[in-house]
């Protein structure tokens, strides 16, 4: 699973075999001298407007999912709800799950506990 947090910036993490791996995809160069964060973060939303920003969300989500070979993508963060038509193999995450996941991440025994995507 690839997680992308659409908020002020762009958060990202991969979960592979129940292991969470934080990533810094936001700072990778994307297009026209700008980064993924410049397109999917708040700056991109303000610069392009919601309609064009949503098109880039769809495009970039599909590109990252394919490049990272993710089975599916979960969109979270404060601006994720602005995306009305989700790209294929993508779903919206819930803030409650983010809090629960954070608590579990810092408190579980990695040898005994699995992280479930649901």
Protein backbone atom coordinates (compact mmCIF):
# COMPACT_ATOMS: atom_id res chain seq x y z
CA UNK A 1 0.00 0.00 0.00
CA UNK A 2 1.17 3.51 -0.82
CA UNK A 3 -0.09 6.25 1.49
CA UNK A 4 -0.11 9.84 0.26
CA UNK A 5 -1.06 12.64 2.64
CA UNK A 6 -2.44 15.66 0.82
CA UNK A 7 -2.15 18.54 3.23
CA UNK A 8 0.04 21.60 3.53
CA UNK A 9 2.75 19.49 1.92
CA UNK A 10 2.83 15.91 0.73
CA UNK A 11 3.37 13.02 3.11
CA UNK A 12 4.17 9.53 1.90
CA UNK A 13 4.77 6.04 3.21
CA UNK A 14 4.74 2.50 1.88
CA UNK A 15 3.51 -0.52 3.78
CA UNK A 16 5.06 -3.75 2.49
CA UNK A 17 4.65 -7.05 4.31
CA UNK A 18 3.20 -5.17 7.31
CA UNK A 19 6.26 -2.93 7.59
CA UNK A 20 5.74 0.84 7.43
CA UNK A 21 8.46 2.64 5.51
CA UNK A 22 8.26 6.45 5.60
CA UNK A 23 9.26 8.04 2.31
CA UNK A 24 10.20 11.52 1.14
CA UNK A 25 8.55 11.50 -2.26
CA UNK A 26 7.47 15.11 -1.77
CA UNK A 27 10.94 16.47 -2.48
CA UNK A 28 11.65 14.50 -5.64
CA UNK A 29 11.75 16.61 -8.80
CA UNK A 30 8.63 16.21 -10.91
CA UNK A 31 8.09 18.73 -13.68
CA UNK A 32 9.13 22.25 -14.72
CA UNK A 33 11.69 22.49 -11.90
CA UNK A 34 9.01 21.76 -9.31
CA UNK A 35 8.61 18.83 -6.91
CA UNK A 36 5.71 16.46 -6.28
CA UNK A 37 4.89 18.60 -3.24
CA UNK A 38 4.71 21.72 -5.41
CA UNK A 39 1.97 20.00 -7.40
CA UNK A 40 0.05 18.05 -4.74
CA UNK A 41 0.55 20.20 -1.64
CA UNK A 42 -1.33 23.33 -0.67
CA UNK A 43 0.90 25.51 -2.90
CA UNK A 44 -0.18 23.50 -5.93
CA UNK A 45 -3.85 23.69 -4.99
CA UNK A 46 -3.65 27.46 -4.55
CA UNK A 47 -1.58 27.98 -7.72
CA UNK A 48 -3.62 25.77 -10.06
CA UNK A 49 -7.09 25.82 -8.55
CA UNK A 50 -9.09 22.79 -7.48
CA UNK A 51 -10.02 21.42 -10.94
CA UNK A 52 -6.47 21.37 -12.34
CA UNK A 53 -5.03 20.24 -8.98
CA UNK A 54 -7.41 17.25 -8.94
CA UNK A 55 -6.23 16.28 -12.44
CA UNK A 56 -2.63 16.30 -11.19
CA UNK A 57 -3.61 14.28 -8.12
CA UNK A 58 -5.06 11.60 -10.39
CA UNK A 59 -2.10 11.67 -12.76
CA UNK A 60 0.60 11.60 -10.07
CA UNK A 61 -1.17 8.97 -7.95
CA UNK A 62 -1.33 6.68 -10.98
CA UNK A 63 2.33 7.35 -11.85
CA UNK A 64 3.57 6.71 -8.29
CA UNK A 65 1.43 3.60 -7.86
CA UNK A 66 2.87 2.14 -11.06
CA UNK A 67 6.46 3.20 -10.33
CA UNK A 68 6.40 1.79 -6.79
CA UNK A 69 4.37 -1.28 -7.75
CA UNK A 70 1.79 -0.58 -5.04
CA UNK A 71 -1.35 -2.69 -5.00
CA UNK A 72 -3.40 0.34 -4.02
CA UNK A 73 -3.11 3.90 -2.74
CA UNK A 74 -4.72 5.49 0.30
CA UNK A 75 -5.16 9.26 0.18
CA UNK A 76 -5.29 11.07 3.49
CA UNK A 77 -4.64 14.52 4.87
CA UNK A 78 -6.67 17.69 5.01
CA UNK A 79 -7.09 18.11 1.26
CA UNK A 80 -7.83 14.49 0.33
CA UNK A 81 -11.57 15.11 0.61
CA UNK A 82 -11.35 17.64 -2.24
CA UNK A 83 -10.68 14.77 -4.66
CA UNK A 84 -14.18 13.69 -5.68
CA UNK A 85 -13.25 11.20 -8.42
CA UNK A 86 -10.56 8.89 -7.10
CA UNK A 87 -7.97 7.33 -9.40
CA UNK A 88 -8.22 3.56 -9.97
CA UNK A 89 -7.01 1.40 -7.04
CA UNK A 90 -7.27 4.38 -4.69
CA UNK A 91 -9.39 5.04 -1.63
CA UNK A 92 -9.72 7.76 0.97
CA UNK A 93 -8.22 7.16 4.39
CA UNK A 94 -9.84 8.30 7.61
CA UNK A 95 -8.15 10.56 10.15
CA UNK A 96 -9.18 8.19 12.95
CA UNK A 97 -7.15 5.46 11.27
CA UNK A 98 -4.13 7.76 11.02
CA UNK A 99 -4.21 8.45 14.76
CA UNK A 100 -4.73 4.79 15.57
CA UNK A 101 -1.94 3.79 13.19
CA UNK A 102 0.43 6.30 14.77
CA UNK A 103 -0.31 4.99 18.25
CA UNK A 104 0.15 1.41 17.08
CA UNK A 105 3.35 2.28 15.29
CA UNK A 106 4.96 3.68 18.42
CA UNK A 107 3.60 1.12 20.85
CA UNK A 108 3.52 -2.34 19.28
CA UNK A 109 6.02 -5.17 19.40
CA UNK A 110 7.17 -5.40 15.79
CA UNK A 111 7.87 -9.10 16.15
CA UNK A 112 4.33 -9.99 17.26
CA UNK A 113 1.92 -7.45 15.79
CA UNK A 114 0.77 -6.93 12.23
CA UNK A 115 -0.48 -3.65 10.86
CA UNK A 116 -3.72 -4.08 8.96
CA UNK A 117 -4.57 -1.66 6.16
CA UNK A 118 -8.28 -1.72 7.00
